[in-house]
Amino acid sequence: MKSIITGVLIGAILFFLLTLIKKDSKYSKLGINLKRNYCPKCNLKQPLIRKPKNKNQMLYGGNTCKNCNTEMDKFGVEIKQRNRTS
């Protein structure tokens, strides 16, 4: 009985982890990117250890280029700045 429960738990965990690993940012904000990013504007290699500049980068990943201040998501796609009227 314990081996069946253990097998089901391991299967559920593996299924959950595999659904989170996505290769395209338009499908999931919760995806995991295992590749190194480059800035989409200046092609500068981004550091592996990042320092989030805002809440969105802290929660979902992403980076801001040190060279040209381009904000990108965790997949290296540029994030367009929104006009905020508050």
PDB file of N, CA and C in Angstrom:
ATOM      1  N   MET A   1       0.818  -1.197   0.000  1.00  0.00           N
ATOM      2  CA  MET A   1       0.000   0.000   0.000  1.00  0.00           C
ATOM      3  C   MET A   1       0.862   1.262   0.000  1.00  0.00           C
ATOM      4  N   LYS A   2       1.929   1.244   0.799  1.00  0.00           N
ATOM      5  CA  LYS A   2       2.813   2.407   0.849  1.00  0.00           C
ATOM      6  C   LYS A   2       3.539   2.632  -0.480  1.00  0.00           C
ATOM      7  N   SER A   3       3.881   1.542  -1.155  1.00  0.00           N
ATOM      8  CA  SER A   3       4.586   1.688  -2.428  1.00  0.00           C
ATOM      9  C   SER A   3       3.679   2.286  -3.504  1.00  0.00           C
ATOM     10  N   ILE A   4       2.391   1.983  -3.452  1.00  0.00           N
ATOM     11  CA  ILE A   4       1.449   2.562  -4.411  1.00  0.00           C
ATOM     12  C   ILE A   4       1.309   4.065  -4.171  1.00  0.00           C
ATOM     13  N   ILE A   5       1.171   4.462  -2.927  1.00  0.00           N
ATOM     14  CA  ILE A   5       1.056   5.886  -2.591  1.00  0.00           C
ATOM     15  C   ILE A   5       2.333   6.629  -2.966  1.00  0.00           C
ATOM     16  N   THR A   6       3.476   6.020  -2.688  1.00  0.00           N
ATOM     17  CA  THR A   6       4.755   6.634  -3.051  1.00  0.00           C
ATOM     18  C   THR A   6       4.870   6.791  -4.569  1.00  0.00           C
ATOM     19  N   GLY A   7       4.474   5.787  -5.318  1.00  0.00           N
ATOM     20  CA  GLY A   7       4.511   5.861  -6.775  1.00  0.00           C
ATOM     21  C   GLY A   7       3.605   6.945  -7.324  1.00  0.00           C
ATOM     22  N   VAL A   8       2.403   7.062  -6.759  1.00  0.00           N
ATOM     23  CA  VAL A   8       1.460   8.095  -7.196  1.00  0.00           C
ATOM     24  C   VAL A   8       2.015   9.481  -6.873  1.00  0.00           C
ATOM     25  N   LEU A   9       2.588   9.653  -5.686  1.00  0.00           N
ATOM     26  CA  LEU A   9       3.162  10.950  -5.318  1.00  0.00           C
ATOM     27  C   LEU A   9       4.330  11.326  -6.220  1.00  0.00           C
ATOM     28  N   ILE A  10       5.212  10.393  -6.489  1.00  0.00           N
ATOM     29  CA  ILE A  10       6.352  10.667  -7.376  1.00  0.00           C
ATOM     30  C   ILE A  10       5.862  10.992  -8.780  1.00  0.00           C
ATOM     31  N   GLY A  11       4.870  10.265  -9.273  1.00  0.00           N
ATOM     32  CA  GLY A  11       4.304  10.540 -10.589  1.00  0.00           C
ATOM     33  C   GLY A  11       3.669  11.919 -10.659  1.00  0.00           C
ATOM     34  N   ALA A  12       2.936  12.310  -9.612  1.00  0.00           N
ATOM     35  CA  ALA A  12       2.297  13.625  -9.593  1.00  0.00           C
ATOM     36  C   ALA A  12       3.340  14.739  -9.553  1.00  0.00           C
ATOM     37  N   ILE A  13       4.394  14.560  -8.787  1.00  0.00           N
ATOM     38  CA  ILE A  13       5.455  15.563  -8.708  1.00  0.00           C
ATOM     39  C   ILE A  13       6.169  15.691 -10.048  1.00  0.00           C
ATOM     40  N   LEU A  14       6.488  14.577 -10.683  1.00  0.00           N
ATOM     41  CA  LEU A  14       7.144  14.621 -11.998  1.00  0.00           C
ATOM     42  C   LEU A  14       6.251  15.272 -13.045  1.00  0.00           C
ATOM     43  N   PHE A  15       4.965  14.945 -13.032  1.00  0.00           N
ATOM     44  CA  PHE A  15       4.031  15.556 -13.978  1.00  0.00           C
ATOM     45  C   PHE A  15       3.967  17.064 -13.765  1.00  0.00           C
ATOM     46  N   PHE A  16       3.900  17.501 -12.511  1.00  0.00           N
ATOM     47  CA  PHE A  16       3.842  18.928 -12.185  1.00  0.00           C
ATOM     48  C   PHE A  16       5.107  19.642 -12.664  1.00  0.00           C
ATOM     49  N   LEU A  17       6.278  19.059 -12.405  1.00  0.00           N
ATOM     50  CA  LEU A  17       7.530  19.690 -12.815  1.00  0.00           C
ATOM     51  C   LEU A  17       7.676  19.745 -14.330  1.00  0.00           C
ATOM     52  N   LEU A  18       7.276  18.698 -15.016  1.00  0.00           N
ATOM     53  CA  LEU A  18       7.399  18.675 -16.472  1.00  0.00           C
ATOM     54  C   LEU A  18       6.429  19.642 -17.140  1.00  0.00           C
ATOM     55  N   THR A  19       5.285  19.915 -16.525  1.00  0.00           N
ATOM     56  CA  THR A  19       4.368  20.891 -17.111  1.00  0.00           C
ATOM     57  C   THR A  19       4.859  22.309 -16.894  1.00  0.00           C
ATOM     58  N   LEU A  20       5.709  22.531 -15.895  1.00  0.00           N
ATOM     59  CA  LEU A  20       6.243  23.869 -15.660  1.00  0.00           C
ATOM     60  C   LEU A  20       7.393  24.207 -16.601  1.00  0.00           C
ATOM     61  N   ILE A  21       8.109  23.210 -17.101  1.00  0.00           N
ATOM     62  CA  ILE A  21       9.249  23.473 -17.974  1.00  0.00           C
ATOM     63  C   ILE A  21       8.725  23.718 -19.381  1.00  0.00           C
ATOM     64  N   LYS A  22       8.682  24.979 -19.765  1.00  0.00           N
ATOM     65  CA  LYS A  22       8.210  25.383 -21.090  1.00  0.00           C
ATOM     66  C   LYS A  22       9.355  26.057 -21.815  1.00  0.00           C
ATOM     67  N   LYS A  23       9.320  26.021 -23.145  1.00  0.00           N
ATOM     68  CA  LYS A  23      10.384  26.646 -23.919  1.00  0.00           C
ATOM     69  C   LYS A  23       9.959  27.969 -24.520  1.00  0.00           C
ATOM     70  N   ASP A  24       8.713  28.365 -24.349  1.00  0.00           N
ATOM     71  CA  ASP A  24       8.221  29.574 -24.979  1.00  0.00           C
ATOM     72  C   ASP A  24       7.476  30.413 -23.945  1.00  0.00           C
ATOM     73  N   SER A  25       7.832  31.673 -23.842  1.00  0.00           N
ATOM     74  CA  SER A  25       7.262  32.521 -22.805  1.00  0.00           C
ATOM     75  C   SER A  25       5.808  32.864 -23.042  1.00  0.00           C
ATOM     76  N   LYS A  26       5.292  32.710 -24.259  1.00  0.00           N
ATOM     77  CA  LYS A  26       3.901  33.065 -24.486  1.00  0.00           C
ATOM     78  C   LYS A  26       2.941  32.022 -23.933  1.00  0.00           C
ATOM     79  N   TYR A  27       3.434  30.873 -23.506  1.00  0.00           N
ATOM     80  CA  TYR A  27       2.562  29.844 -22.955  1.00  0.00           C
ATOM     81  C   TYR A  27       2.473  29.879 -21.434  1.00  0.00           C
ATOM     82  N   SER A  28       3.545  30.245 -20.765  1.00  0.00           N
ATOM     83  CA  SER A  28       3.512  30.158 -19.310  1.00  0.00           C
ATOM     84  C   SER A  28       4.484  31.139 -18.671  1.00  0.00           C
ATOM     85  N   LYS A  29       3.989  31.921 -17.717  1.00  0.00           N
ATOM     86  CA  LYS A  29       4.877  32.767 -16.924  1.00  0.00           C
ATOM     87  C   LYS A  29       5.629  31.931 -15.907  1.00  0.00           C
ATOM     88  N   LEU A  30       5.083  30.760 -15.580  1.00  0.00           N
ATOM     89  CA  LEU A  30       5.684  29.915 -14.553  1.00  0.00           C
ATOM     90  C   LEU A  30       6.696  28.935 -15.112  1.00  0.00           C
ATOM     91  N   GLY A  31       6.990  29.003 -16.404  1.00  0.00           N
ATOM     92  CA  GLY A  31       7.943  28.087 -17.010  1.00  0.00           C
ATOM     93  C   GLY A  31       9.345  28.255 -16.450  1.00  0.00           C
ATOM     94  N   ILE A  32      10.188  27.288 -16.733  1.00  0.00           N
ATOM     95  CA  ILE A  32      11.570  27.314 -16.265  1.00  0.00           C
ATOM     96  C   ILE A  32      12.480  27.384 -17.476  1.00  0.00           C
ATOM     97  N   ASN A  33      13.369  28.356 -17.496  1.00  0.00           N
ATOM     98  CA  ASN A  33      14.341  28.477 -18.581  1.00  0.00           C
ATOM     99  C   ASN A  33      15.691  28.001 -18.070  1.00  0.00           C
ATOM    100  N   LEU A  34      16.248  27.002 -18.710  1.00  0.00           N
ATOM    101  CA  LEU A  34      17.528  26.444 -18.276  1.00  0.00           C
ATOM    102  C   LEU A  34      18.691  26.925 -19.138  1.00  0.00           C
ATOM    103  N   LYS A  35      18.413  27.802 -20.112  1.00  0.00           N
ATOM    104  CA  LYS A  35      19.464  28.286 -21.013  1.00  0.00           C
ATOM    105  C   LYS A  35      19.908  29.693 -20.625  1.00  0.00           C
ATOM    106  N   ARG A  36      21.065  30.078 -21.097  1.00  0.00           N
ATOM    107  CA  ARG A  36      21.622  31.405 -20.832  1.00  0.00           C
ATOM    108  C   ARG A  36      20.931  32.432 -21.730  1.00  0.00           C
ATOM    109  N   ASN A  37      20.639  33.603 -21.201  1.00  0.00           N
ATOM    110  CA  ASN A  37      19.966  34.654 -21.954  1.00  0.00           C
ATOM    111  C   ASN A  37      20.949  35.675 -22.486  1.00  0.00           C
ATOM    112  N   TYR A  38      20.563  36.301 -23.596  1.00  0.00           N
ATOM    113  CA  TYR A  38      21.287  37.425 -24.180  1.00  0.00           C
ATOM    114  C   TYR A  38      20.300  38.558 -24.362  1.00  0.00           C
ATOM    115  N   CYS A  39      20.773  39.778 -24.225  1.00  0.00           N
ATOM    116  CA  CYS A  39      19.929  40.953 -24.398  1.00  0.00           C
ATOM    117  C   CYS A  39      19.426  40.992 -25.845  1.00  0.00           C
ATOM    118  N   PRO A  40      18.118  41.234 -26.041  1.00  0.00           N
ATOM    119  CA  PRO A  40      17.596  41.262 -27.409  1.00  0.00           C
ATOM    120  C   PRO A  40      18.048  42.489 -28.205  1.00  0.00           C
ATOM    121  N   LYS A  41      18.500  43.553 -27.536  1.00  0.00           N
ATOM    122  CA  LYS A  41      18.933  44.754 -28.251  1.00  0.00           C
ATOM    123  C   LYS A  41      20.437  44.779 -28.506  1.00  0.00           C
ATOM    124  N   CYS A  42      21.245  44.573 -27.447  1.00  0.00           N
ATOM    125  CA  CYS A  42      22.699  44.725 -27.605  1.00  0.00           C
ATOM    126  C   CYS A  42      23.444  43.390 -27.604  1.00  0.00           C
ATOM    127  N   ASN A  43      22.732  42.279 -27.421  1.00  0.00           N
ATOM    128  CA  ASN A  43      23.301  40.936 -27.467  1.00  0.00           C
ATOM    129  C   ASN A  43      24.339  40.678 -26.368  1.00  0.00           C
ATOM    130  N   LEU A  44      24.223  41.368 -25.242  1.00  0.00           N
ATOM    131  CA  LEU A  44      25.118  41.156 -24.104  1.00  0.00           C
ATOM    132  C   LEU A  44      24.666  39.926 -23.326  1.00  0.00           C
ATOM    133  N   LYS A  45      25.603  39.046 -22.983  1.00  0.00           N
ATOM    134  CA  LYS A  45      25.292  37.844 -22.204  1.00  0.00           C
ATOM    135  C   LYS A  45      24.858  38.276 -20.808  1.00  0.00           C
ATOM    136  N   GLN A  46      23.732  37.749 -20.358  1.00  0.00           N
ATOM    137  CA  GLN A  46      23.188  38.111 -19.054  1.00  0.00           C
ATOM    138  C   GLN A  46      23.755  37.192 -17.972  1.00  0.00           C
ATOM    139  N   PRO A  47      23.929  37.716 -16.758  1.00  0.00           N
ATOM    140  CA  PRO A  47      24.521  36.898 -15.687  1.00  0.00           C
ATOM    141  C   PRO A  47      23.595  35.772 -15.248  1.00  0.00           C
ATOM    142  N   LEU A  48      24.184  34.689 -14.780  1.00  0.00           N
ATOM    143  CA  LEU A  48      23.394  33.563 -14.274  1.00  0.00           C
ATOM    144  C   LEU A  48      22.698  33.925 -12.964  1.00  0.00           C
ATOM    145  N   ILE A  49      23.399  34.644 -12.109  1.00  0.00           N
ATOM    146  CA  ILE A  49      22.813  35.090 -10.846  1.00  0.00           C
ATOM    147  C   ILE A  49      22.308  36.508 -11.066  1.00  0.00           C
ATOM    148  N   ARG A  50      21.000  36.664 -11.005  1.00  0.00           N
ATOM    149  CA  ARG A  50      20.405  37.952 -11.344  1.00  0.00           C
ATOM    150  C   ARG A  50      19.951  38.688 -10.095  1.00  0.00           C
ATOM    151  N   LYS A  51      19.799  40.004 -10.241  1.00  0.00           N
ATOM    152  CA  LYS A  51      19.237  40.838  -9.182  1.00  0.00           C
ATOM    153  C   LYS A  51      17.948  41.449  -9.727  1.00  0.00           C
ATOM    154  N   PRO A  52      16.794  41.017  -9.236  1.00  0.00           N
ATOM    155  CA  PRO A  52      15.531  41.542  -9.753  1.00  0.00           C
ATOM    156  C   PRO A  52      15.403  43.039  -9.497  1.00  0.00           C
ATOM    157  N   LYS A  53      14.916  43.774 -10.488  1.00  0.00           N
ATOM    158  CA  LYS A  53      14.740  45.226 -10.373  1.00  0.00           C
ATOM    159  C   LYS A  53      13.318  45.602  -9.986  1.00  0.00           C
ATOM    160  N   ASN A  54      12.360  44.680 -10.145  1.00  0.00           N
ATOM    161  CA  ASN A  54      10.974  44.987  -9.794  1.00  0.00           C
ATOM    162  C   ASN A  54      10.267  43.716  -9.334  1.00  0.00           C
ATOM    163  N   LYS A  55       9.006  43.889  -8.949  1.00  0.00           N
ATOM    164  CA  LYS A  55       8.240  42.764  -8.409  1.00  0.00           C
ATOM    165  C   LYS A  55       7.989  41.678  -9.459  1.00  0.00           C
ATOM    166  N   ASN A  56       7.740  42.071 -10.685  1.00  0.00           N
ATOM    167  CA  ASN A  56       7.485  41.095 -11.745  1.00  0.00           C
ATOM    168  C   ASN A  56       8.712  40.211 -11.984  1.00  0.00           C
ATOM    169  N   GLN A  57       9.903  40.802 -11.996  1.00  0.00           N
ATOM    170  CA  GLN A  57      11.129  40.021 -12.163  1.00  0.00           C
ATOM    171  C   GLN A  57      11.366  39.107 -10.971  1.00  0.00           C
ATOM    172  N   MET A  58      11.002  39.567  -9.790  1.00  0.00           N
ATOM    173  CA  MET A  58      11.206  38.751  -8.598  1.00  0.00           C
ATOM    174  C   MET A  58      10.280  37.534  -8.605  1.00  0.00           C
ATOM    175  N   LEU A  59       9.026  37.709  -9.040  1.00  0.00           N
ATOM    176  CA  LEU A  59       8.066  36.613  -9.010  1.00  0.00           C
ATOM    177  C   LEU A  59       8.200  35.664 -10.189  1.00  0.00           C
ATOM    178  N   TYR A  60       8.407  36.209 -11.395  1.00  0.00           N
ATOM    179  CA  TYR A  60       8.361  35.386 -12.599  1.00  0.00           C
ATOM    180  C   TYR A  60       9.687  35.253 -13.325  1.00  0.00           C
ATOM    181  N   GLY A  61      10.740  35.834 -12.818  1.00  0.00           N
ATOM    182  CA  GLY A  61      12.023  35.781 -13.487  1.00  0.00           C
ATOM    183  C   GLY A  61      12.187  36.941 -14.450  1.00  0.00           C
ATOM    184  N   GLY A  62      13.331  37.047 -15.020  1.00  0.00           N
ATOM    185  CA  GLY A  62      13.607  38.137 -15.936  1.00  0.00           C
ATOM    186  C   GLY A  62      14.834  38.896 -15.499  1.00  0.00           C
ATOM    187  N   ASN A  63      15.214  39.877 -16.304  1.00  0.00           N
ATOM    188  CA  ASN A  63      16.450  40.599 -16.045  1.00  0.00           C
ATOM    189  C   ASN A  63      16.377  41.954 -16.716  1.00  0.00           C
ATOM    190  N   THR A  64      17.232  42.864 -16.273  1.00  0.00           N
ATOM    191  CA  THR A  64      17.411  44.150 -16.925  1.00  0.00           C
ATOM    192  C   THR A  64      18.862  44.235 -17.362  1.00  0.00           C
ATOM    193  N   CYS A  65      19.083  44.524 -18.642  1.00  0.00           N
ATOM    194  CA  CYS A  65      20.432  44.577 -19.192  1.00  0.00           C
ATOM    195  C   CYS A  65      21.208  45.728 -18.560  1.00  0.00           C
ATOM    196  N   LYS A  66      22.432  45.468 -18.137  1.00  0.00           N
ATOM    197  CA  LYS A  66      23.274  46.504 -17.548  1.00  0.00           C
ATOM    198  C   LYS A  66      23.789  47.488 -18.585  1.00  0.00           C
ATOM    199  N   ASN A  67      23.887  47.039 -19.830  1.00  0.00           N
ATOM    200  CA  ASN A  67      24.442  47.872 -20.893  1.00  0.00           C
ATOM    201  C   ASN A  67      23.425  48.878 -21.431  1.00  0.00           C
ATOM    202  N   CYS A  68      22.206  48.406 -21.744  1.00  0.00           N
ATOM    203  CA  CYS A  68      21.231  49.275 -22.404  1.00  0.00           C
ATOM    204  C   CYS A  68      19.909  49.424 -21.641  1.00  0.00           C
ATOM    205  N   ASN A  69      19.823  48.873 -20.430  1.00  0.00           N
ATOM    206  CA  ASN A  69      18.626  48.951 -19.574  1.00  0.00           C
ATOM    207  C   ASN A  69      17.373  48.388 -20.219  1.00  0.00           C
ATOM    208  N   THR A  70      17.520  47.393 -21.069  1.00  0.00           N
ATOM    209  CA  THR A  70      16.368  46.722 -21.656  1.00  0.00           C
ATOM    210  C   THR A  70      15.845  45.697 -20.672  1.00  0.00           C
ATOM    211  N   GLU A  71      14.545  45.746 -20.417  1.00  0.00           N
ATOM    212  CA  GLU A  71      13.938  44.770 -19.522  1.00  0.00           C
ATOM    213  C   GLU A  71      13.473  43.577 -20.347  1.00  0.00           C
ATOM    214  N   MET A  72      13.814  42.370 -19.890  1.00  0.00           N
ATOM    215  CA  MET A  72      13.445  41.155 -20.618  1.00  0.00           C
ATOM    216  C   MET A  72      12.884  40.129 -19.655  1.00  0.00           C
ATOM    217  N   ASP A  73      12.111  39.186 -20.211  1.00  0.00           N
ATOM    218  CA  ASP A  73      11.595  38.116 -19.381  1.00  0.00           C
ATOM    219  C   ASP A  73      12.648  37.024 -19.223  1.00  0.00           C
ATOM    220  N   LYS A  74      12.293  35.945 -18.559  1.00  0.00           N
ATOM    221  CA  LYS A  74      13.275  34.879 -18.281  1.00  0.00           C
ATOM    222  C   LYS A  74      13.725  34.133 -19.528  1.00  0.00           C
ATOM    223  N   PHE A  75      13.013  34.328 -20.645  1.00  0.00           N
ATOM    224  CA  PHE A  75      13.380  33.673 -21.890  1.00  0.00           C
ATOM    225  C   PHE A  75      14.191  34.588 -22.803  1.00  0.00           C
ATOM    226  N   GLY A  76      14.470  35.832 -22.368  1.00  0.00           N
ATOM    227  CA  GLY A  76      15.262  36.762 -23.152  1.00  0.00           C
ATOM    228  C   GLY A  76      14.453  37.574 -24.152  1.00  0.00           C
ATOM    229  N   VAL A  77      13.132  37.612 -23.994  1.00  0.00           N
ATOM    230  CA  VAL A  77      12.266  38.388 -24.876  1.00  0.00           C
ATOM    231  C   VAL A  77      12.021  39.742 -24.227  1.00  0.00           C
ATOM    232  N   GLU A  78      12.178  40.819 -25.015  1.00  0.00           N
ATOM    233  CA  GLU A  78      12.033  42.163 -24.485  1.00  0.00           C
ATOM    234  C   GLU A  78      10.605  42.407 -23.986  1.00  0.00           C
ATOM    235  N   ILE A  79      10.504  43.054 -22.827  1.00  0.00           N
ATOM    236  CA  ILE A  79       9.215  43.419 -22.273  1.00  0.00           C
ATOM    237  C   ILE A  79       8.989  44.889 -22.583  1.00  0.00           C
ATOM    238  N   LYS A  80       7.920  45.175 -23.285  1.00  0.00           N
ATOM    239  CA  LYS A  80       7.586  46.555 -23.627  1.00  0.00           C
ATOM    240  C   LYS A  80       7.078  47.272 -22.381  1.00  0.00           C
ATOM    241  N   GLN A  81       7.524  48.493 -22.179  1.00  0.00           N
ATOM    242  CA  GLN A  81       7.095  49.282 -21.029  1.00  0.00           C
ATOM    243  C   GLN A  81       5.645  49.714 -21.226  1.00  0.00           C
ATOM    244  N   ARG A  82       4.835  49.549 -20.190  1.00  0.00           N
ATOM    245  CA  ARG A  82       3.432  49.978 -20.244  1.00  0.00           C
ATOM    246  C   ARG A  82       3.326  51.401 -19.748  1.00  0.00           C
ATOM    247  N   ASN A  83       2.436  52.154 -20.346  1.00  0.00           N
ATOM    248  CA  ASN A  83       2.156  53.515 -19.862  1.00  0.00           C
ATOM    249  C   ASN A  83       1.225  53.399 -18.671  1.00  0.00           C
ATOM    250  N   ARG A  84       1.706  53.822 -17.532  1.00  0.00           N
ATOM    251  CA  ARG A  84       0.902  53.733 -16.323  1.00  0.00           C
ATOM    252  C   ARG A  84       0.335  55.113 -16.006  1.00  0.00           C
ATOM    253  N   THR A  85      -0.988  55.196 -15.929  1.00  0.00           N
ATOM    254  CA  THR A  85      -1.650  56.447 -15.572  1.00  0.00           C
ATOM    255  C   THR A  85      -2.326  56.244 -14.239  1.00  0.00           C
ATOM    256  N   SER A  86      -1.658  56.627 -13.153  1.00  0.00           N
ATOM    257  CA  SER A  86      -2.221  56.458 -11.822  1.00  0.00           C
ATOM    258  C   SER A  86      -2.347  57.785 -11.145  1.00  0.00           C
TER     259      SER A  86
END
